Amino acid sequence: MFSPSRLRCFGALLALVLLVITVPLEAQAQEARQSALREAFAAGDARAVLQRAAGHVEVGLLGNSSQYSRSQAVYVLDTFFDDHPPRRFEWKDTSTNGDSRFLTGRYWYEASKQAMPVYLRLSRASEGWRLQEVRIERP
């Protein structure tokens, strides 16, 4: 039989193994999600941008901001992409503060000379990160 000290050692080793496995998997999932969001913005695909959004999302476009259901937000963002067809999108910065993650990007549309700043706010949920806010501002 195992002694209590061996069981504690085994428990600590198991916790370390799980941590070593879990942290890289979470980082990979985060990177994959950011990549999917970048591709969605680059393609002007509102449905893909909002695929993992919360039930209600704040959408701020060029100084006008409002809360929408996810399906309404798709329509609003689709209209924006129709009016400002994408040319290029890139991430600039990512930060995490507690249960919130903030992504900053730059969006160029076909007629733009300068990039429009894009800000996304996500919140931690049991199944991963949920998009809470999309804001696109004038350059």
N, C-alpha and C. Protein backbone atom coordinates (compact mmCIF):
# COMPACT_ATOMS: atom_id res chain seq x y z
N MET A 1 0.84 -1.18 0.00
CA MET A 1 0.00 0.00 0.00
C MET A 1 0.88 1.24 0.00
N PHE A 2 0.36 2.33 -0.51
CA PHE A 2 1.12 3.57 -0.56
C PHE A 2 1.04 4.30 0.76
N SER A 3 2.14 4.87 1.15
CA SER A 3 2.16 5.67 2.38
C SER A 3 1.54 7.04 2.08
N PRO A 4 1.07 7.75 3.12
CA PRO A 4 0.48 9.08 2.91
C PRO A 4 1.44 10.04 2.21
N SER A 5 2.73 9.95 2.52
CA SER A 5 3.69 10.87 1.87
C SER A 5 3.83 10.54 0.39
N ARG A 6 3.80 9.24 0.04
CA ARG A 6 3.87 8.86 -1.38
C ARG A 6 2.60 9.30 -2.12
N LEU A 7 1.45 9.20 -1.47
CA LEU A 7 0.21 9.65 -2.08
C LEU A 7 0.23 11.16 -2.33
N ARG A 8 0.74 11.93 -1.36
CA ARG A 8 0.86 13.38 -1.54
C ARG A 8 1.80 13.70 -2.70
N CYS A 9 2.91 12.99 -2.75
CA CYS A 9 3.89 13.19 -3.83
C CYS A 9 3.26 12.86 -5.19
N PHE A 10 2.52 11.75 -5.24
CA PHE A 10 1.85 11.36 -6.47
C PHE A 10 0.80 12.41 -6.86
N GLY A 11 0.04 12.90 -5.88
CA GLY A 11 -0.97 13.93 -6.14
C GLY A 11 -0.34 15.21 -6.68
N ALA A 12 0.79 15.62 -6.11
CA ALA A 12 1.48 16.82 -6.57
C ALA A 12 2.00 16.62 -7.98
N LEU A 13 2.55 15.43 -8.25
CA LEU A 13 3.05 15.13 -9.59
C LEU A 13 1.92 15.14 -10.62
N LEU A 14 0.78 14.55 -10.27
CA LEU A 14 -0.37 14.54 -11.15
C LEU A 14 -0.86 15.96 -11.43
N ALA A 15 -0.93 16.79 -10.41
CA ALA A 15 -1.35 18.19 -10.59
C ALA A 15 -0.39 18.92 -11.51
N LEU A 16 0.91 18.68 -11.37
CA LEU A 16 1.90 19.32 -12.23
C LEU A 16 1.74 18.87 -13.68
N VAL A 17 1.53 17.58 -13.88
CA VAL A 17 1.33 17.06 -15.25
C VAL A 17 0.09 17.69 -15.88
N LEU A 18 -1.00 17.76 -15.13
CA LEU A 18 -2.23 18.37 -15.65
C LEU A 18 -2.01 19.85 -15.99
N LEU A 19 -1.26 20.56 -15.16
CA LEU A 19 -0.97 21.97 -15.43
C LEU A 19 -0.13 22.11 -16.70
N VAL A 20 0.87 21.26 -16.85
CA VAL A 20 1.73 21.32 -18.03
C VAL A 20 0.94 21.04 -19.30
N ILE A 21 -0.05 20.17 -19.22
CA ILE A 21 -0.88 19.85 -20.38
C ILE A 21 -1.91 20.93 -20.64
N THR A 22 -2.57 21.42 -19.59
CA THR A 22 -3.69 22.35 -19.72
C THR A 22 -3.27 23.72 -20.21
N VAL A 23 -2.20 24.30 -19.67
CA VAL A 23 -1.79 25.66 -20.04
C VAL A 23 -1.49 25.78 -21.54
N PRO A 24 -0.68 24.88 -22.13
CA PRO A 24 -0.45 25.01 -23.57
C PRO A 24 -1.73 24.81 -24.40
N LEU A 25 -2.63 23.92 -23.96
CA LEU A 25 -3.87 23.71 -24.70
C LEU A 25 -4.74 24.97 -24.67
N GLU A 26 -4.81 25.64 -23.52
CA GLU A 26 -5.58 26.88 -23.42
C GLU A 26 -4.96 27.96 -24.29
N ALA A 27 -3.63 28.04 -24.30
CA ALA A 27 -2.95 29.03 -25.14
C ALA A 27 -3.20 28.74 -26.62
N GLN A 28 -3.19 27.47 -27.00
CA GLN A 28 -3.46 27.11 -28.39
C GLN A 28 -4.89 27.45 -28.78
N ALA A 29 -5.83 27.20 -27.87
CA ALA A 29 -7.23 27.53 -28.15
C ALA A 29 -7.41 29.03 -28.28
N GLN A 30 -6.74 29.79 -27.43
CA GLN A 30 -6.80 31.26 -27.50
C GLN A 30 -6.24 31.75 -28.83
N GLU A 31 -5.10 31.21 -29.22
CA GLU A 31 -4.48 31.61 -30.48
C GLU A 31 -5.36 31.25 -31.67
N ALA A 32 -5.98 30.08 -31.63
CA ALA A 32 -6.87 29.66 -32.72
C ALA A 32 -8.08 30.58 -32.80
N ARG A 33 -8.64 30.98 -31.65
CA ARG A 33 -9.80 31.88 -31.64
C ARG A 33 -9.43 33.25 -32.20
N GLN A 34 -8.27 33.76 -31.80
CA GLN A 34 -7.83 35.06 -32.32
C GLN A 34 -7.57 34.98 -33.81
N SER A 35 -7.04 33.88 -34.28
CA SER A 35 -6.81 33.70 -35.70
C SER A 35 -8.14 33.67 -36.46
N ALA A 36 -9.13 32.96 -35.89
CA ALA A 36 -10.45 32.89 -36.53
C ALA A 36 -11.10 34.28 -36.57
N LEU A 37 -10.96 35.05 -35.50
CA LEU A 37 -11.51 36.41 -35.49
C LEU A 37 -10.81 37.30 -36.52
N ARG A 38 -9.49 37.16 -36.62
CA ARG A 38 -8.73 37.95 -37.60
C ARG A 38 -9.21 37.62 -39.02
N GLU A 39 -9.37 36.34 -39.31
CA GLU A 39 -9.85 35.93 -40.63
C GLU A 39 -11.27 36.43 -40.89
N ALA A 40 -12.11 36.41 -39.86
CA ALA A 40 -13.49 36.87 -40.01
C ALA A 40 -13.54 38.36 -40.32
N PHE A 41 -12.72 39.16 -39.62
CA PHE A 41 -12.66 40.60 -39.92
C PHE A 41 -12.09 40.84 -41.31
N ALA A 42 -11.04 40.11 -41.67
CA ALA A 42 -10.40 40.28 -42.98
C ALA A 42 -11.36 39.93 -44.11
N ALA A 43 -12.29 39.01 -43.86
CA ALA A 43 -13.26 38.61 -44.87
C ALA A 43 -14.56 39.41 -44.79
N GLY A 44 -14.71 40.22 -43.74
CA GLY A 44 -15.96 40.96 -43.56
C GLY A 44 -17.12 40.02 -43.26
N ASP A 45 -16.86 38.98 -42.48
CA ASP A 45 -17.86 37.96 -42.16
C ASP A 45 -18.41 38.19 -40.76
N ALA A 46 -19.50 38.96 -40.65
CA ALA A 46 -20.08 39.32 -39.36
C ALA A 46 -20.53 38.09 -38.58
N ARG A 47 -21.08 37.12 -39.26
CA ARG A 47 -21.55 35.91 -38.57
C ARG A 47 -20.38 35.19 -37.90
N ALA A 48 -19.25 35.11 -38.56
CA ALA A 48 -18.07 34.46 -37.98
C ALA A 48 -17.49 35.30 -36.84
N VAL A 49 -17.49 36.61 -36.97
CA VAL A 49 -17.01 37.48 -35.89
C VAL A 49 -17.82 37.23 -34.63
N LEU A 50 -19.13 37.11 -34.78
CA LEU A 50 -20.04 37.01 -33.64
C LEU A 50 -20.42 35.57 -33.28
N GLN A 51 -19.75 34.61 -33.89
CA GLN A 51 -20.10 33.20 -33.67
C GLN A 51 -20.07 32.82 -32.20
N ARG A 52 -19.09 33.27 -31.46
CA ARG A 52 -18.98 32.91 -30.03
C ARG A 52 -19.28 34.12 -29.15
N ALA A 53 -20.20 34.94 -29.59
CA ALA A 53 -20.58 36.13 -28.81
C ALA A 53 -21.59 35.75 -27.74
N ALA A 54 -21.69 36.62 -26.76
CA ALA A 54 -22.69 36.47 -25.71
C ALA A 54 -24.07 36.69 -26.31
N GLY A 55 -25.11 36.42 -25.54
CA GLY A 55 -26.48 36.61 -26.02
C GLY A 55 -26.77 38.05 -26.41
N HIS A 56 -26.20 38.99 -25.68
CA HIS A 56 -26.30 40.42 -26.02
C HIS A 56 -24.90 40.98 -26.15
N VAL A 57 -24.68 41.77 -27.18
CA VAL A 57 -23.36 42.29 -27.51
C VAL A 57 -23.46 43.80 -27.68
N GLU A 58 -22.47 44.50 -27.15
CA GLU A 58 -22.40 45.94 -27.40
C GLU A 58 -21.62 46.14 -28.70
N VAL A 59 -22.22 46.89 -29.63
CA VAL A 59 -21.56 47.17 -30.90
C VAL A 59 -21.44 48.68 -31.02
N GLY A 60 -20.21 49.14 -31.16
CA GLY A 60 -19.94 50.56 -31.35
C GLY A 60 -19.28 50.75 -32.71
N LEU A 61 -19.94 51.50 -33.58
CA LEU A 61 -19.42 51.73 -34.93
C LEU A 61 -19.34 53.23 -35.20
N LEU A 62 -18.11 53.69 -35.37
CA LEU A 62 -17.85 55.07 -35.77
C LEU A 62 -18.54 56.08 -34.85
N GLY A 63 -18.51 55.82 -33.56
CA GLY A 63 -19.06 56.75 -32.58
C GLY A 63 -20.46 56.44 -32.10
N ASN A 64 -21.18 55.55 -32.76
CA ASN A 64 -22.53 55.15 -32.33
C ASN A 64 -22.45 53.78 -31.69
N SER A 65 -23.00 53.67 -30.48
CA SER A 65 -22.91 52.41 -29.75
C SER A 65 -24.27 52.02 -29.19
N SER A 66 -24.54 50.70 -29.21
CA SER A 66 -25.79 50.20 -28.66
C SER A 66 -25.65 48.73 -28.33
N GLN A 67 -26.54 48.24 -27.46
CA GLN A 67 -26.61 46.82 -27.14
C GLN A 67 -27.54 46.13 -28.14
N TYR A 68 -27.14 44.96 -28.61
CA TYR A 68 -27.94 44.20 -29.56
C TYR A 68 -27.96 42.73 -29.15
N SER A 69 -29.01 42.03 -29.57
CA SER A 69 -28.96 40.58 -29.48
C SER A 69 -27.90 40.13 -30.48
N ARG A 70 -27.44 38.91 -30.33
CA ARG A 70 -26.41 38.42 -31.25
C ARG A 70 -26.89 38.48 -32.70
N SER A 71 -28.14 38.09 -32.98
CA SER A 71 -28.64 38.11 -34.36
C SER A 71 -28.77 39.53 -34.89
N GLN A 72 -29.18 40.49 -34.05
CA GLN A 72 -29.23 41.88 -34.48
C GLN A 72 -27.83 42.41 -34.73
N ALA A 73 -26.89 42.01 -33.87
CA ALA A 73 -25.50 42.47 -34.03
C ALA A 73 -24.92 41.99 -35.36
N VAL A 74 -25.28 40.77 -35.77
CA VAL A 74 -24.81 40.26 -37.07
C VAL A 74 -25.29 41.19 -38.18
N TYR A 75 -26.55 41.56 -38.14
CA TYR A 75 -27.12 42.45 -39.15
C TYR A 75 -26.39 43.81 -39.15
N VAL A 76 -26.17 44.39 -37.97
CA VAL A 76 -25.51 45.69 -37.85
C VAL A 76 -24.08 45.61 -38.39
N LEU A 77 -23.35 44.58 -38.00
CA LEU A 77 -21.96 44.44 -38.46
C LEU A 77 -21.90 44.12 -39.95
N ASP A 78 -22.85 43.34 -40.45
CA ASP A 78 -22.93 43.08 -41.90
C ASP A 78 -23.09 44.38 -42.68
N THR A 79 -23.95 45.26 -42.18
CA THR A 79 -24.17 46.55 -42.83
C THR A 79 -22.88 47.36 -42.84
N PHE A 80 -22.15 47.34 -41.72
CA PHE A 80 -20.87 48.04 -41.66
C PHE A 80 -19.91 47.48 -42.71
N PHE A 81 -19.79 46.15 -42.79
CA PHE A 81 -18.88 45.55 -43.75
C PHE A 81 -19.31 45.84 -45.20
N ASP A 82 -20.61 45.92 -45.45
CA ASP A 82 -21.09 46.29 -46.79
C ASP A 82 -20.67 47.72 -47.14
N ASP A 83 -20.76 48.61 -46.16
CA ASP A 83 -20.39 50.02 -46.38
C ASP A 83 -18.89 50.25 -46.37
N HIS A 84 -18.16 49.37 -45.72
CA HIS A 84 -16.69 49.48 -45.60
C HIS A 84 -16.06 48.12 -45.91
N PRO A 85 -16.07 47.70 -47.19
CA PRO A 85 -15.56 46.37 -47.55
C PRO A 85 -14.10 46.19 -47.10
N PRO A 86 -13.80 45.06 -46.50
CA PRO A 86 -12.47 44.84 -45.94
C PRO A 86 -11.37 44.75 -46.99
N ARG A 87 -10.24 45.31 -46.64
CA ARG A 87 -9.04 45.16 -47.44
C ARG A 87 -7.98 44.39 -46.66
N ARG A 88 -7.92 44.66 -45.35
CA ARG A 88 -6.90 44.01 -44.51
C ARG A 88 -7.27 44.17 -43.04
N PHE A 89 -6.85 43.21 -42.22
CA PHE A 89 -7.05 43.30 -40.78
C PHE A 89 -5.85 42.68 -40.09
N GLU A 90 -5.42 43.28 -38.98
CA GLU A 90 -4.33 42.71 -38.20
C GLU A 90 -4.53 43.01 -36.72
N TRP A 91 -4.02 42.10 -35.88
CA TRP A 91 -4.04 42.33 -34.44
C TRP A 91 -2.89 43.22 -34.06
N LYS A 92 -3.13 44.07 -33.09
CA LYS A 92 -2.09 44.97 -32.60
C LYS A 92 -1.68 44.59 -31.18
N ASP A 93 -2.67 44.26 -30.32
CA ASP A 93 -2.35 43.99 -28.92
C ASP A 93 -3.43 43.11 -28.30
N THR A 94 -3.03 42.35 -27.30
CA THR A 94 -3.95 41.51 -26.52
C THR A 94 -3.56 41.64 -25.06
N SER A 95 -4.56 41.79 -24.21
CA SER A 95 -4.28 41.81 -22.77
C SER A 95 -5.43 41.14 -22.03
N THR A 96 -5.11 40.63 -20.84
CA THR A 96 -6.10 39.98 -20.01
C THR A 96 -6.06 40.63 -18.64
N ASN A 97 -7.26 40.88 -18.10
CA ASN A 97 -7.38 41.45 -16.77
C ASN A 97 -8.50 40.71 -16.06
N GLY A 98 -8.14 39.79 -15.18
CA GLY A 98 -9.14 38.99 -14.48
C GLY A 98 -9.92 38.13 -15.45
N ASP A 99 -11.24 38.30 -15.46
CA ASP A 99 -12.10 37.51 -16.34
C ASP A 99 -12.41 38.22 -17.65
N SER A 100 -11.63 39.23 -18.00
CA SER A 100 -11.83 39.96 -19.26
C SER A 100 -10.58 39.91 -20.11
N ARG A 101 -10.79 39.79 -21.40
CA ARG A 101 -9.68 39.84 -22.36
C ARG A 101 -9.99 40.95 -23.34
N PHE A 102 -8.97 41.72 -23.70
CA PHE A 102 -9.11 42.86 -24.59
C PHE A 102 -8.20 42.65 -25.80
N LEU A 103 -8.79 42.74 -26.99
CA LEU A 103 -8.03 42.60 -28.23
C LEU A 103 -8.12 43.92 -28.98
N THR A 104 -7.00 44.37 -29.47
CA THR A 104 -6.95 45.60 -30.24
C THR A 104 -6.42 45.26 -31.63
N GLY A 105 -7.11 45.75 -32.65
CA GLY A 105 -6.69 45.48 -34.02
C GLY A 105 -6.79 46.71 -34.89
N ARG A 106 -6.43 46.52 -36.15
CA ARG A 106 -6.53 47.60 -37.14
C ARG A 106 -7.21 47.04 -38.38
N TYR A 107 -8.21 47.80 -38.86
CA TYR A 107 -9.04 47.39 -39.98
C TYR A 107 -8.90 48.40 -41.11
N TRP A 108 -8.48 47.92 -42.27
CA TRP A 108 -8.42 48.76 -43.47
C TRP A 108 -9.56 48.34 -44.38
N TYR A 109 -10.31 49.28 -44.89
CA TYR A 109 -11.34 48.95 -45.87
C TYR A 109 -10.89 49.49 -47.21
N GLU A 110 -11.61 49.13 -48.27
CA GLU A 110 -11.16 49.41 -49.63
C GLU A 110 -10.79 50.86 -49.90
N ALA A 111 -11.55 51.82 -49.43
CA ALA A 111 -11.28 53.23 -49.72
C ALA A 111 -10.46 53.93 -48.64
N SER A 112 -9.98 53.19 -47.64
CA SER A 112 -9.30 53.84 -46.51
C SER A 112 -7.84 54.15 -46.81
N LYS A 113 -7.39 55.25 -46.24
CA LYS A 113 -5.97 55.60 -46.29
C LYS A 113 -5.30 55.23 -44.98
N GLN A 114 -6.10 55.22 -43.91
CA GLN A 114 -5.60 54.86 -42.59
C GLN A 114 -6.45 53.73 -42.02
N ALA A 115 -5.84 52.98 -41.12
CA ALA A 115 -6.57 51.88 -40.47
C ALA A 115 -7.55 52.42 -39.44
N MET A 116 -8.67 51.73 -39.31
CA MET A 116 -9.63 52.02 -38.25
C MET A 116 -9.27 51.17 -37.04
N PRO A 117 -9.19 51.78 -35.86
CA PRO A 117 -8.94 50.98 -34.66
C PRO A 117 -10.14 50.09 -34.33
N VAL A 118 -9.86 48.85 -33.95
CA VAL A 118 -10.89 47.88 -33.58
C VAL A 118 -10.58 47.40 -32.17
N TYR A 119 -11.60 47.41 -31.32
CA TYR A 119 -11.46 46.95 -29.95
C TYR A 119 -12.49 45.86 -29.67
N LEU A 120 -12.05 44.75 -29.13
CA LEU A 120 -12.95 43.67 -28.74
C LEU A 120 -12.75 43.41 -27.25
N ARG A 121 -13.86 43.18 -26.57
CA ARG A 121 -13.82 42.79 -25.15
C ARG A 121 -14.50 41.43 -25.04
N LEU A 122 -13.79 40.49 -24.44
CA LEU A 122 -14.32 39.15 -24.23
C LEU A 122 -14.38 38.89 -22.73
N SER A 123 -15.29 38.02 -22.32
CA SER A 123 -15.36 37.64 -20.91
C SER A 123 -15.25 36.13 -20.81
N ARG A 124 -14.67 35.69 -19.71
CA ARG A 124 -14.47 34.26 -19.49
C ARG A 124 -15.82 33.60 -19.21
N ALA A 125 -16.07 32.51 -19.88
CA ALA A 125 -17.29 31.71 -19.66
C ALA A 125 -16.86 30.27 -19.44
N SER A 126 -17.76 29.43 -18.99
CA SER A 126 -17.40 28.04 -18.70
C SER A 126 -16.88 27.31 -19.94
N GLU A 127 -17.36 27.69 -21.12
CA GLU A 127 -16.93 27.02 -22.35
C GLU A 127 -15.84 27.78 -23.11
N GLY A 128 -15.22 28.77 -22.48
CA GLY A 128 -14.17 29.54 -23.13
C GLY A 128 -14.45 31.02 -23.01
N TRP A 129 -14.06 31.77 -24.00
CA TRP A 129 -14.23 33.23 -23.99
C TRP A 129 -15.43 33.61 -24.83
N ARG A 130 -16.22 34.54 -24.34
CA ARG A 130 -17.41 35.04 -25.04
C ARG A 130 -17.19 36.50 -25.42
N LEU A 131 -17.48 36.82 -26.67
CA LEU A 131 -17.36 38.19 -27.15
C LEU A 131 -18.48 39.03 -26.52
N GLN A 132 -18.11 40.13 -25.87
CA GLN A 132 -19.07 41.00 -25.20
C GLN A 132 -19.24 42.34 -25.92
N GLU A 133 -18.16 42.78 -26.59
CA GLU A 133 -18.19 44.12 -27.19
C GLU A 133 -17.31 44.17 -28.43
N VAL A 134 -17.82 44.82 -29.46
CA VAL A 134 -17.08 45.11 -30.68
C VAL A 134 -17.15 46.61 -30.87
N ARG A 135 -16.00 47.25 -31.02
CA ARG A 135 -15.99 48.70 -31.26
C ARG A 135 -15.03 48.98 -32.41
N ILE A 136 -15.53 49.70 -33.42
CA ILE A 136 -14.71 50.12 -34.55
C ILE A 136 -14.80 51.64 -34.62
N GLU A 137 -13.65 52.29 -34.56
CA GLU A 137 -13.64 53.74 -34.50
C GLU A 137 -13.05 54.35 -35.77
N ARG A 138 -13.26 55.63 -35.91
CA ARG A 138 -12.66 56.36 -37.02
C ARG A 138 -11.15 56.47 -36.79
N PRO A 139 -10.39 56.52 -37.88
CA PRO A 139 -8.92 56.62 -37.72
C PRO A 139 -8.52 57.94 -37.06
